[in-house]
Amino acid sequence: MSGVEASKEPKESQVHVCASCMNTVVQSFNHFQEQIAQLRREKAGLLRELERLNEEYEKQKRFMSEEIRALEERVAELKKKSENHI
């Protein structure tokens, strides 16, 4: 080998993809991209619904706390009245 050394590294394999196979891959990729976009939209909708439900829960919790406080005050008033009658 007069001054030229052969490379011992393997050559990268060349892959030939036919148009039909490439079209199938592109269609699959596009389909997956559409599914991902749909799932992201669904996730956003579910997050909005969760936020709405949390707000509703907090509102109901505040309302019930006020109701409980009013009932406790009413019970205290009734106890005082009953003690005064005895």
Protein backbone atom coordinates (compact mmCIF):
# COMPACT_ATOMS: atom_id res chain seq x y z
CA MET A 1 0.00 0.00 0.00
CA SER A 2 2.35 2.61 -1.17
CA GLY A 3 1.77 5.47 1.28
CA VAL A 4 -2.03 5.04 1.48
CA GLU A 5 -3.50 3.39 4.51
CA ALA A 6 -6.88 1.74 4.44
CA SER A 7 -9.29 3.00 7.06
CA LYS A 8 -10.24 0.39 9.60
CA GLU A 9 -13.42 2.25 10.60
CA PRO A 10 -16.59 0.71 9.18
CA LYS A 11 -18.38 2.77 6.59
CA GLU A 12 -21.79 4.15 7.53
CA SER A 13 -24.46 2.03 5.97
CA GLN A 14 -26.56 3.77 3.38
CA VAL A 15 -30.26 3.10 3.74
CA HIS A 16 -32.44 3.50 0.72
CA VAL A 17 -36.07 4.18 1.49
CA CYS A 18 -38.62 3.82 -1.24
CA ALA A 19 -41.22 6.55 -1.78
CA SER A 20 -44.04 4.32 -0.58
CA CYS A 21 -42.31 3.57 2.71
CA MET A 22 -41.38 7.22 3.20
CA ASN A 23 -45.00 8.22 2.53
CA THR A 24 -46.18 5.72 5.16
CA VAL A 25 -43.69 7.10 7.69
CA VAL A 26 -44.76 10.68 6.97
CA GLN A 27 -48.45 9.76 7.28
CA SER A 28 -47.79 7.98 10.59
CA PHE A 29 -45.81 10.95 11.88
CA ASN A 30 -48.56 13.39 10.88
CA HIS A 31 -51.17 11.16 12.51
CA PHE A 32 -49.18 11.07 15.76
CA GLN A 33 -48.72 14.85 15.64
CA GLU A 34 -52.50 15.27 15.28
CA GLN A 35 -53.09 12.89 18.19
CA ILE A 36 -50.61 14.81 20.34
CA ALA A 37 -52.31 18.11 19.48
CA GLN A 38 -55.73 16.60 20.31
CA LEU A 39 -54.45 15.28 23.65
CA ARG A 40 -53.00 18.70 24.48
CA ARG A 41 -56.36 20.33 23.73
CA GLU A 42 -58.13 17.76 25.89
CA LYS A 43 -55.62 18.33 28.70
CA ALA A 44 -56.19 22.09 28.53
CA GLY A 45 -59.95 21.54 28.68
CA LEU A 46 -59.62 19.21 31.64
CA LEU A 47 -57.39 21.68 33.46
CA ARG A 48 -59.97 24.43 32.92
CA GLU A 49 -62.71 22.11 34.21
CA LEU A 50 -60.60 21.20 37.25
CA GLU A 51 -60.01 24.88 38.00
CA ARG A 52 -63.75 25.58 37.70
CA LEU A 53 -64.56 22.68 40.03
CA ASN A 54 -61.96 23.84 42.57
CA GLU A 55 -63.43 27.34 42.54
CA GLU A 56 -66.93 25.91 42.99
CA TYR A 57 -65.70 23.72 45.86
CA GLU A 58 -64.06 26.70 47.61
CA LYS A 59 -67.24 28.75 47.17
CA GLN A 60 -69.36 25.95 48.67
CA LYS A 61 -66.87 25.52 51.50
CA ARG A 62 -67.07 29.24 52.37
CA PHE A 63 -70.87 29.11 52.22
CA MET A 64 -71.01 26.06 54.50
CA SER A 65 -68.60 27.70 56.97
CA GLU A 66 -70.86 30.74 57.14
CA GLU A 67 -73.90 28.49 57.61
CA ILE A 68 -72.18 26.56 60.41
CA ARG A 69 -71.15 29.79 62.14
CA ALA A 70 -74.73 31.12 61.91
CA LEU A 71 -76.11 27.86 63.32
CA GLU A 72 -73.59 27.90 66.17
CA GLU A 73 -74.64 31.45 67.02
CA ARG A 74 -78.30 30.42 66.93
CA VAL A 75 -77.62 27.45 69.24
CA ALA A 76 -75.77 29.76 71.66
CA GLU A 77 -78.73 32.18 71.65
CA LEU A 78 -81.19 29.34 72.30
CA LYS A 79 -79.04 28.05 75.18
CA LYS A 80 -79.01 31.51 76.78
CA LYS A 81 -82.78 31.82 76.42
CA SER A 82 -83.35 28.38 77.93
CA GLU A 83 -81.01 29.19 80.85
CA ASN A 84 -82.90 32.43 81.50
CA HIS A 85 -86.21 30.56 81.65
CA ILE A 86 -84.99 28.11 84.26
